[in-house]
């Protein structure tokens, strides 16, 4: 947050940054976040309670939307200068090019990588059985909280993952580039960092770490090869199995 604020301030002083695209992205997130307040919360009609609920959710929505705006203004000029090919489809989407072939291509590519990441996540638990070990439990918010009224909240969390994780990855990538001065080394370090987070948060068994490494490699590769929009789509689809129950139906 501090780093993005400093970069954004410098870019604004120099007249850089796609403010229009950043505003569109922030307003989209703000709208979805307030839909969570409208549909995901319990409303009992008491004026004091409803006012407190509204102010709480509005403050969280505005704070996160502004943070997203600052993060985008901080990143976009550097990425456009160093890796313009990685944000072409993203920029076209923010400009309203919903039917642009490149936008559709990158979303579909991201979906494929997201599905592969889901399968690898499932295999880290199921694969233990193949080597004679008891399989891991597939516990996530999707399996512990079920109900149609929870959809907006789950969708918001999925949208958070699809937006913020690629942006954070891109921010770290730029930071590693400034330190290491080599693109491949920066991507390698980002891969190792994502793999470490994947292993620790997912509590992956030591024998299944290679699968976690492959999953982190896919997340890094889609950003490296296809850019920001494909990475956002990959993280969005990969979190289907995190926030929603996955059955054999």
C-alpha atoms as a PDB file:
ATOM      1  CA  UNK A   1       0.000   0.000   0.000  1.00  0.00           C
ATOM      2  CA  UNK A   2       2.771   2.432   0.933  1.00  0.00           C
ATOM      3  CA  UNK A   3       4.854   1.540  -2.107  1.00  0.00           C
ATOM      4  CA  UNK A   4       1.948   1.901  -4.518  1.00  0.00           C
ATOM      5  CA  UNK A   5       0.965   5.254  -2.948  1.00  0.00           C
ATOM      6  CA  UNK A   6       4.499   6.629  -3.445  1.00  0.00           C
ATOM      7  CA  UNK A   7       4.656   5.412  -7.046  1.00  0.00           C
ATOM      8  CA  UNK A   8       1.174   6.732  -7.826  1.00  0.00           C
ATOM      9  CA  UNK A   9       2.053  10.148  -6.366  1.00  0.00           C
ATOM     10  CA  UNK A  10       5.149  10.335  -8.538  1.00  0.00           C
ATOM     11  CA  UNK A  11       3.234   9.268 -11.662  1.00  0.00           C
ATOM     12  CA  UNK A  12       0.501  11.829 -11.053  1.00  0.00           C
ATOM     13  CA  UNK A  13       3.060  14.604 -10.605  1.00  0.00           C
ATOM     14  CA  UNK A  14       4.611  13.642 -13.945  1.00  0.00           C
ATOM     15  CA  UNK A  15       1.225  13.425 -15.668  1.00  0.00           C
ATOM     16  CA  UNK A  16       1.423   9.660 -16.169  1.00  0.00           C
ATOM     17  CA  UNK A  17      -1.136   6.945 -15.548  1.00  0.00           C
ATOM     18  CA  UNK A  18      -4.435   5.806 -17.039  1.00  0.00           C
ATOM     19  CA  UNK A  19      -6.749   7.634 -14.629  1.00  0.00           C
ATOM     20  CA  UNK A  20      -9.849   6.845 -16.670  1.00  0.00           C
ATOM     21  CA  UNK A  21      -9.147   3.112 -16.656  1.00  0.00           C
ATOM     22  CA  UNK A  22      -8.285   3.183 -12.970  1.00  0.00           C
ATOM     23  CA  UNK A  23     -11.556   4.986 -12.199  1.00  0.00           C
ATOM     24  CA  UNK A  24     -13.601   2.477 -14.183  1.00  0.00           C
ATOM     25  CA  UNK A  25     -11.951  -0.417 -12.377  1.00  0.00           C
ATOM     26  CA  UNK A  26     -12.455   1.184  -8.957  1.00  0.00           C
ATOM     27  CA  UNK A  27     -16.124   1.993  -9.653  1.00  0.00           C
ATOM     28  CA  UNK A  28     -16.754  -1.578 -10.795  1.00  0.00           C
ATOM     29  CA  UNK A  29     -15.282  -2.935  -7.592  1.00  0.00           C
ATOM     30  CA  UNK A  30     -17.203  -0.378  -5.504  1.00  0.00           C
ATOM     31  CA  UNK A  31     -20.473  -1.431  -7.128  1.00  0.00           C
ATOM     32  CA  UNK A  32     -19.907  -5.137  -6.552  1.00  0.00           C
ATOM     33  CA  UNK A  33     -18.808  -4.483  -2.964  1.00  0.00           C
ATOM     34  CA  UNK A  34     -21.988  -2.544  -2.199  1.00  0.00           C
ATOM     35  CA  UNK A  35     -24.063  -5.308  -3.772  1.00  0.00           C
ATOM     36  CA  UNK A  36     -22.613  -7.515  -1.046  1.00  0.00           C
ATOM     37  CA  UNK A  37     -23.972  -5.081   1.549  1.00  0.00           C
ATOM     38  CA  UNK A  38     -27.365  -5.122  -0.163  1.00  0.00           C
ATOM     39  CA  UNK A  39     -27.795  -8.858  -0.693  1.00  0.00           C
ATOM     40  CA  UNK A  40     -25.279 -10.573   1.583  1.00  0.00           C
ATOM     41  CA  UNK A  41     -26.130  -8.928   4.902  1.00  0.00           C
ATOM     42  CA  UNK A  42     -29.147  -9.414   7.159  1.00  0.00           C
ATOM     43  CA  UNK A  43     -31.428  -6.354   7.170  1.00  0.00           C
ATOM     44  CA  UNK A  44     -33.935  -6.019  10.027  1.00  0.00           C
ATOM     45  CA  UNK A  45     -35.230  -2.520   9.324  1.00  0.00           C
ATOM     46  CA  UNK A  46     -33.928  -0.878  12.514  1.00  0.00           C
ATOM     47  CA  UNK A  47     -32.663   2.583  11.562  1.00  0.00           C
ATOM     48  CA  UNK A  48     -29.605   2.604  13.852  1.00  0.00           C
ATOM     49  CA  UNK A  49     -28.544  -0.896  12.825  1.00  0.00           C
ATOM     50  CA  UNK A  50     -29.076  -0.249   9.101  1.00  0.00           C
ATOM     51  CA  UNK A  51     -27.154   3.037   9.263  1.00  0.00           C
ATOM     52  CA  UNK A  52     -24.179   1.433  11.026  1.00  0.00           C
ATOM     53  CA  UNK A  53     -24.229  -1.456   8.565  1.00  0.00           C
ATOM     54  CA  UNK A  54     -24.348   0.890   5.587  1.00  0.00           C
ATOM     55  CA  UNK A  55     -21.536   3.136   6.832  1.00  0.00           C
ATOM     56  CA  UNK A  56     -19.323   0.143   7.693  1.00  0.00           C
ATOM     57  CA  UNK A  57     -19.697  -1.465   4.277  1.00  0.00           C
ATOM     58  CA  UNK A  58     -19.438   1.851   2.434  1.00  0.00           C
ATOM     59  CA  UNK A  59     -16.183   2.692   4.225  1.00  0.00           C
ATOM     60  CA  UNK A  60     -14.695  -0.713   3.399  1.00  0.00           C
ATOM     61  CA  UNK A  61     -15.858  -0.465  -0.210  1.00  0.00           C
ATOM     62  CA  UNK A  62     -14.461   3.053  -0.702  1.00  0.00           C
ATOM     63  CA  UNK A  63     -11.179   2.208   1.000  1.00  0.00           C
ATOM     64  CA  UNK A  64     -10.573  -0.896  -1.123  1.00  0.00           C
ATOM     65  CA  UNK A  65     -11.707   0.813  -4.337  1.00  0.00           C
ATOM     66  CA  UNK A  66      -9.358   3.747  -3.718  1.00  0.00           C
ATOM     67  CA  UNK A  67      -6.520   1.348  -2.913  1.00  0.00           C
ATOM     68  CA  UNK A  68      -7.194  -0.437  -6.200  1.00  0.00           C
ATOM     69  CA  UNK A  69      -7.198   2.926  -8.025  1.00  0.00           C
ATOM     70  CA  UNK A  70      -3.859   3.882  -6.478  1.00  0.00           C
ATOM     71  CA  UNK A  71      -2.377   0.456  -7.259  1.00  0.00           C
ATOM     72  CA  UNK A  72      -3.417   0.719 -10.894  1.00  0.00           C
ATOM     73  CA  UNK A  73      -2.087   4.272 -11.324  1.00  0.00           C
ATOM     74  CA  UNK A  74       1.178   3.142  -9.718  1.00  0.00           C
ATOM     75  CA  UNK A  75       1.647   0.116 -11.963  1.00  0.00           C
ATOM     76  CA  UNK A  76       0.188   0.985 -15.358  1.00  0.00           C
ATOM     77  CA  UNK A  77       2.822   3.517 -16.579  1.00  0.00           C
ATOM     78  CA  UNK A  78       5.734   1.216 -15.712  1.00  0.00           C
ATOM     79  CA  UNK A  79       4.114  -1.831 -17.295  1.00  0.00           C
ATOM     80  CA  UNK A  80       3.102   0.141 -20.415  1.00  0.00           C
ATOM     81  CA  UNK A  81       6.694   1.350 -20.800  1.00  0.00           C
ATOM     82  CA  UNK A  82       8.485  -1.950 -20.089  1.00  0.00           C
ATOM     83  CA  UNK A  83       5.936  -4.658 -21.041  1.00  0.00           C
ATOM     84  CA  UNK A  84       3.215  -3.050 -23.199  1.00  0.00           C
ATOM     85  CA  UNK A  85       2.251  -6.404 -24.718  1.00  0.00           C
ATOM     86  CA  UNK A  86       1.173  -7.652 -21.290  1.00  0.00           C
ATOM     87  CA  UNK A  87      -1.577  -5.066 -20.803  1.00  0.00           C
ATOM     88  CA  UNK A  88      -2.936  -4.627 -24.344  1.00  0.00           C
ATOM     89  CA  UNK A  89      -6.017  -6.796 -23.821  1.00  0.00           C
ATOM     90  CA  UNK A  90      -6.531  -5.410 -20.297  1.00  0.00           C
ATOM     91  CA  UNK A  91      -6.452  -1.822 -21.614  1.00  0.00           C
ATOM     92  CA  UNK A  92      -8.874  -2.689 -24.406  1.00  0.00           C
ATOM     93  CA  UNK A  93     -11.285  -4.232 -21.897  1.00  0.00           C
ATOM     94  CA  UNK A  94     -11.184  -1.155 -19.649  1.00  0.00           C
ATOM     95  CA  UNK A  95     -11.768   1.014 -22.721  1.00  0.00           C
ATOM     96  CA  UNK A  96     -15.020  -0.849 -23.374  1.00  0.00           C
ATOM     97  CA  UNK A  97     -13.787  -3.400 -25.911  1.00  0.00           C
ATOM     98  CA  UNK A  98     -15.860  -6.256 -24.495  1.00  0.00           C
ATOM     99  CA  UNK A  99     -16.163  -7.919 -27.914  1.00  0.00           C
ATOM    100  CA  UNK A 100     -12.488  -7.501 -28.823  1.00  0.00           C
ATOM    101  CA  UNK A 101     -11.025 -10.851 -30.010  1.00  0.00           C
ATOM    102  CA  UNK A 102      -7.840 -10.354 -27.998  1.00  0.00           C
ATOM    103  CA  UNK A 103      -9.884  -9.816 -24.822  1.00  0.00           C
ATOM    104  CA  UNK A 104     -11.830 -13.015 -25.464  1.00  0.00           C
ATOM    105  CA  UNK A 105      -8.664 -14.943 -26.243  1.00  0.00           C
ATOM    106  CA  UNK A 106      -6.906 -13.957 -23.017  1.00  0.00           C
ATOM    107  CA  UNK A 107      -9.973 -14.693 -20.870  1.00  0.00           C
ATOM    108  CA  UNK A 108     -10.263 -18.163 -22.420  1.00  0.00           C
ATOM    109  CA  UNK A 109      -6.544 -18.812 -21.983  1.00  0.00           C
ATOM    110  CA  UNK A 110      -6.809 -17.698 -18.358  1.00  0.00           C
ATOM    111  CA  UNK A 111      -9.761 -20.034 -17.863  1.00  0.00           C
ATOM    112  CA  UNK A 112      -7.699 -22.986 -19.111  1.00  0.00           C
ATOM    113  CA  UNK A 113      -4.844 -22.172 -16.751  1.00  0.00           C
ATOM    114  CA  UNK A 114      -7.309 -21.632 -13.907  1.00  0.00           C
ATOM    115  CA  UNK A 115      -8.814 -25.083 -14.444  1.00  0.00           C
ATOM    116  CA  UNK A 116      -5.338 -26.631 -14.474  1.00  0.00           C
ATOM    117  CA  UNK A 117      -4.571 -24.883 -11.164  1.00  0.00           C
ATOM    118  CA  UNK A 118      -7.830 -26.264  -9.709  1.00  0.00           C
ATOM    119  CA  UNK A 119      -6.914 -29.797 -10.775  1.00  0.00           C
ATOM    120  CA  UNK A 120      -3.429 -29.480  -9.291  1.00  0.00           C
ATOM    121  CA  UNK A 121      -4.937 -28.221  -6.031  1.00  0.00           C
ATOM    122  CA  UNK A 122      -7.210 -31.240  -5.864  1.00  0.00           C
ATOM    123  CA  UNK A 123      -4.370 -33.591  -6.721  1.00  0.00           C
ATOM    124  CA  UNK A 124      -2.279 -32.318  -3.800  1.00  0.00           C
ATOM    125  CA  UNK A 125      -4.888 -33.874  -1.509  1.00  0.00           C
ATOM    126  CA  UNK A 126      -5.957 -36.894  -3.552  1.00  0.00           C
ATOM    127  CA  UNK A 127      -2.447 -37.782  -4.750  1.00  0.00           C
ATOM    128  CA  UNK A 128      -1.357 -38.930  -1.301  1.00  0.00           C
ATOM    129  CA  UNK A 129      -3.536 -42.016  -1.730  1.00  0.00           C
ATOM    130  CA  UNK A 130      -1.500 -43.060  -4.760  1.00  0.00           C
ATOM    131  CA  UNK A 131       1.593 -43.459  -2.586  1.00  0.00           C
ATOM    132  CA  UNK A 132      -0.164 -45.261   0.245  1.00  0.00           C
ATOM    133  CA  UNK A 133      -0.801 -42.246   2.468  1.00  0.00           C
ATOM    134  CA  UNK A 134      -4.187 -41.059   3.799  1.00  0.00           C
ATOM    135  CA  UNK A 135      -5.639 -38.349   1.536  1.00  0.00           C
ATOM    136  CA  UNK A 136      -5.939 -34.790   2.784  1.00  0.00           C
ATOM    137  CA  UNK A 137      -9.255 -33.158   3.638  1.00  0.00           C
ATOM    138  CA  UNK A 138     -10.592 -30.746   1.034  1.00  0.00           C
ATOM    139  CA  UNK A 139     -11.878 -28.054   3.358  1.00  0.00           C
ATOM    140  CA  UNK A 140     -12.517 -24.532   2.088  1.00  0.00           C
ATOM    141  CA  UNK A 141     -15.132 -21.814   2.589  1.00  0.00           C
ATOM    142  CA  UNK A 142     -17.174 -23.326  -0.212  1.00  0.00           C
ATOM    143  CA  UNK A 143     -17.706 -26.579   1.662  1.00  0.00           C
ATOM    144  CA  UNK A 144     -18.413 -25.067   5.082  1.00  0.00           C
ATOM    145  CA  UNK A 145     -20.885 -22.320   4.148  1.00  0.00           C
ATOM    146  CA  UNK A 146     -23.583 -23.276   1.665  1.00  0.00           C
ATOM    147  CA  UNK A 147     -26.585 -21.200   0.654  1.00  0.00           C
ATOM    148  CA  UNK A 148     -27.804 -19.119  -2.282  1.00  0.00           C
ATOM    149  CA  UNK A 149     -27.838 -15.954  -0.170  1.00  0.00           C
ATOM    150  CA  UNK A 150     -24.064 -16.251   0.278  1.00  0.00           C
ATOM    151  CA  UNK A 151     -23.355 -16.093  -3.457  1.00  0.00           C
ATOM    152  CA  UNK A 152     -22.668 -12.328  -3.618  1.00  0.00           C
ATOM    153  CA  UNK A 153     -20.095 -12.556  -0.810  1.00  0.00           C
ATOM    154  CA  UNK A 154     -18.386 -15.536  -2.410  1.00  0.00           C
ATOM    155  CA  UNK A 155     -18.402 -13.884  -5.812  1.00  0.00           C
ATOM    156  CA  UNK A 156     -16.856 -10.753  -4.311  1.00  0.00           C
ATOM    157  CA  UNK A 157     -14.089 -12.810  -2.726  1.00  0.00           C
ATOM    158  CA  UNK A 158     -13.515 -14.529  -6.049  1.00  0.00           C
ATOM    159  CA  UNK A 159     -13.397 -11.149  -7.780  1.00  0.00           C
ATOM    160  CA  UNK A 160     -10.941  -9.898  -5.154  1.00  0.00           C
ATOM    161  CA  UNK A 161      -8.631 -12.806  -5.929  1.00  0.00           C
ATOM    162  CA  UNK A 162      -8.970 -12.250  -9.674  1.00  0.00           C
ATOM    163  CA  UNK A 163      -8.054  -8.558  -9.416  1.00  0.00           C
ATOM    164  CA  UNK A 164      -5.697  -8.115  -6.485  1.00  0.00           C
ATOM    165  CA  UNK A 165      -3.516 -11.233  -6.838  1.00  0.00           C
ATOM    166  CA  UNK A 166      -2.401 -10.408 -10.416  1.00  0.00           C
ATOM    167  CA  UNK A 167      -1.825  -6.775  -9.429  1.00  0.00           C
ATOM    168  CA  UNK A 168       0.223  -7.753  -6.386  1.00  0.00           C
ATOM    169  CA  UNK A 169       2.188 -10.213  -8.517  1.00  0.00           C
ATOM    170  CA  UNK A 170       2.864  -7.506 -11.076  1.00  0.00           C
ATOM    171  CA  UNK A 171       3.905  -5.064  -8.349  1.00  0.00           C
ATOM    172  CA  UNK A 172       6.340  -7.602  -6.860  1.00  0.00           C
ATOM    173  CA  UNK A 173       7.625  -8.382 -10.331  1.00  0.00           C
ATOM    174  CA  UNK A 174       8.481  -4.731 -10.919  1.00  0.00           C
ATOM    175  CA  UNK A 175      10.161  -4.584  -7.517  1.00  0.00           C
ATOM    176  CA  UNK A 176      12.252  -7.681  -8.291  1.00  0.00           C
ATOM    177  CA  UNK A 177      13.154  -6.201 -11.678  1.00  0.00           C
ATOM    178  CA  UNK A 178      14.495  -3.058 -10.008  1.00  0.00           C
ATOM    179  CA  UNK A 179      16.631  -5.169  -7.667  1.00  0.00           C
ATOM    180  CA  UNK A 180      17.796  -7.986  -9.947  1.00  0.00           C
ATOM    181  CA  UNK A 181      17.874  -6.126 -13.284  1.00  0.00           C
ATOM    182  CA  UNK A 182      16.989  -9.337 -15.124  1.00  0.00           C
ATOM    183  CA  UNK A 183      13.515 -10.316 -16.223  1.00  0.00           C
ATOM    184  CA  UNK A 184      13.873 -14.084 -15.968  1.00  0.00           C
ATOM    185  CA  UNK A 185      15.421 -13.897 -12.510  1.00  0.00           C
ATOM    186  CA  UNK A 186      12.563 -11.648 -11.401  1.00  0.00           C
ATOM    187  CA  UNK A 187       9.983 -14.120 -12.694  1.00  0.00           C
ATOM    188  CA  UNK A 188      11.881 -16.982 -11.060  1.00  0.00           C
ATOM    189  CA  UNK A 189      11.823 -15.220  -7.712  1.00  0.00           C
ATOM    190  CA  UNK A 190       8.109 -14.458  -8.110  1.00  0.00           C
ATOM    191  CA  UNK A 191       7.502 -18.153  -8.866  1.00  0.00           C
ATOM    192  CA  UNK A 192       9.335 -19.243  -5.722  1.00  0.00           C
ATOM    193  CA  UNK A 193       7.423 -16.703  -3.639  1.00  0.00           C
ATOM    194  CA  UNK A 194       4.039 -17.837  -4.993  1.00  0.00           C
ATOM    195  CA  UNK A 195       5.022 -21.463  -4.457  1.00  0.00           C
ATOM    196  CA  UNK A 196       6.005 -20.767  -0.841  1.00  0.00           C
ATOM    197  CA  UNK A 197       2.691 -19.020  -0.164  1.00  0.00           C
ATOM    198  CA  UNK A 198       0.847 -21.876  -1.892  1.00  0.00           C
ATOM    199  CA  UNK A 199       2.549 -24.497   0.275  1.00  0.00           C
ATOM    200  CA  UNK A 200       2.126 -22.621   3.565  1.00  0.00           C
ATOM    201  CA  UNK A 201      -1.475 -21.487   3.132  1.00  0.00           C
ATOM    202  CA  UNK A 202      -2.607 -24.770   1.597  1.00  0.00           C
ATOM    203  CA  UNK A 203      -0.721 -26.801   4.232  1.00  0.00           C
ATOM    204  CA  UNK A 204       0.570 -28.994   1.419  1.00  0.00           C
ATOM    205  CA  UNK A 205       2.110 -32.324   2.410  1.00  0.00           C
ATOM    206  CA  UNK A 206       5.862 -32.416   1.815  1.00  0.00           C
ATOM    207  CA  UNK A 207       5.454 -35.203  -0.762  1.00  0.00           C
ATOM    208  CA  UNK A 208       2.993 -33.085  -2.770  1.00  0.00           C
ATOM    209  CA  UNK A 209       5.179 -29.968  -2.907  1.00  0.00           C
ATOM    210  CA  UNK A 210       6.118 -30.646  -6.589  1.00  0.00           C
ATOM    211  CA  UNK A 211       2.444 -30.220  -7.530  1.00  0.00           C
ATOM    212  CA  UNK A 212       2.303 -26.933  -5.611  1.00  0.00           C
ATOM    213  CA  UNK A 213       5.428 -25.812  -7.479  1.00  0.00           C
ATOM    214  CA  UNK A 214       3.787 -26.632 -10.814  1.00  0.00           C
ATOM    215  CA  UNK A 215       0.630 -24.717  -9.832  1.00  0.00           C
ATOM    216  CA  UNK A 216       2.681 -21.653  -8.874  1.00  0.00           C
ATOM    217  CA  UNK A 217       4.631 -21.982 -12.122  1.00  0.00           C
ATOM    218  CA  UNK A 218       1.380 -21.916 -14.126  1.00  0.00           C
ATOM    219  CA  UNK A 219       0.269 -18.776 -12.276  1.00  0.00           C
ATOM    220  CA  UNK A 220       3.606 -17.124 -13.049  1.00  0.00           C
ATOM    221  CA  UNK A 221       3.783 -18.360 -16.632  1.00  0.00           C
ATOM    222  CA  UNK A 222       0.346 -17.053 -17.624  1.00  0.00           C
ATOM    223  CA  UNK A 223       1.348 -13.585 -16.392  1.00  0.00           C
ATOM    224  CA  UNK A 224       4.727 -13.809 -18.157  1.00  0.00           C
ATOM    225  CA  UNK A 225       3.438 -15.133 -21.478  1.00  0.00           C
ATOM    226  CA  UNK A 226      -0.081 -13.741 -21.875  1.00  0.00           C
ATOM    227  CA  UNK A 227      -0.260 -10.732 -19.567  1.00  0.00           C
ATOM    228  CA  UNK A 228      -2.465  -9.167 -16.926  1.00  0.00           C
ATOM    229  CA  UNK A 229      -5.951 -10.023 -18.230  1.00  0.00           C
ATOM    230  CA  UNK A 230      -5.124 -13.705 -18.716  1.00  0.00           C
ATOM    231  CA  UNK A 231      -3.602 -13.788 -15.225  1.00  0.00           C
ATOM    232  CA  UNK A 232      -6.715 -12.169 -13.731  1.00  0.00           C
ATOM    233  CA  UNK A 233      -8.934 -14.713 -15.487  1.00  0.00           C
ATOM    234  CA  UNK A 234      -6.727 -17.584 -14.288  1.00  0.00           C
ATOM    235  CA  UNK A 235      -6.892 -16.498 -10.640  1.00  0.00           C
ATOM    236  CA  UNK A 236     -10.638 -15.837 -10.954  1.00  0.00           C
ATOM    237  CA  UNK A 237     -11.423 -19.315 -12.263  1.00  0.00           C
ATOM    238  CA  UNK A 238      -8.898 -21.011  -9.964  1.00  0.00           C
ATOM    239  CA  UNK A 239     -10.791 -19.697  -6.934  1.00  0.00           C
ATOM    240  CA  UNK A 240     -14.003 -21.423  -7.993  1.00  0.00           C
ATOM    241  CA  UNK A 241     -12.894 -24.420  -5.947  1.00  0.00           C
ATOM    242  CA  UNK A 242     -11.986 -22.206  -2.982  1.00  0.00           C
ATOM    243  CA  UNK A 243     -15.252 -20.326  -2.552  1.00  0.00           C
ATOM    244  CA  UNK A 244     -17.827 -22.701  -3.985  1.00  0.00           C
ATOM    245  CA  UNK A 245     -18.587 -26.357  -3.153  1.00  0.00           C
ATOM    246  CA  UNK A 246     -17.188 -28.776  -5.729  1.00  0.00           C
ATOM    247  CA  UNK A 247     -19.211 -31.982  -6.085  1.00  0.00           C
ATOM    248  CA  UNK A 248     -19.166 -34.938  -8.455  1.00  0.00           C
ATOM    249  CA  UNK A 249     -22.437 -33.744 -10.082  1.00  0.00           C
END
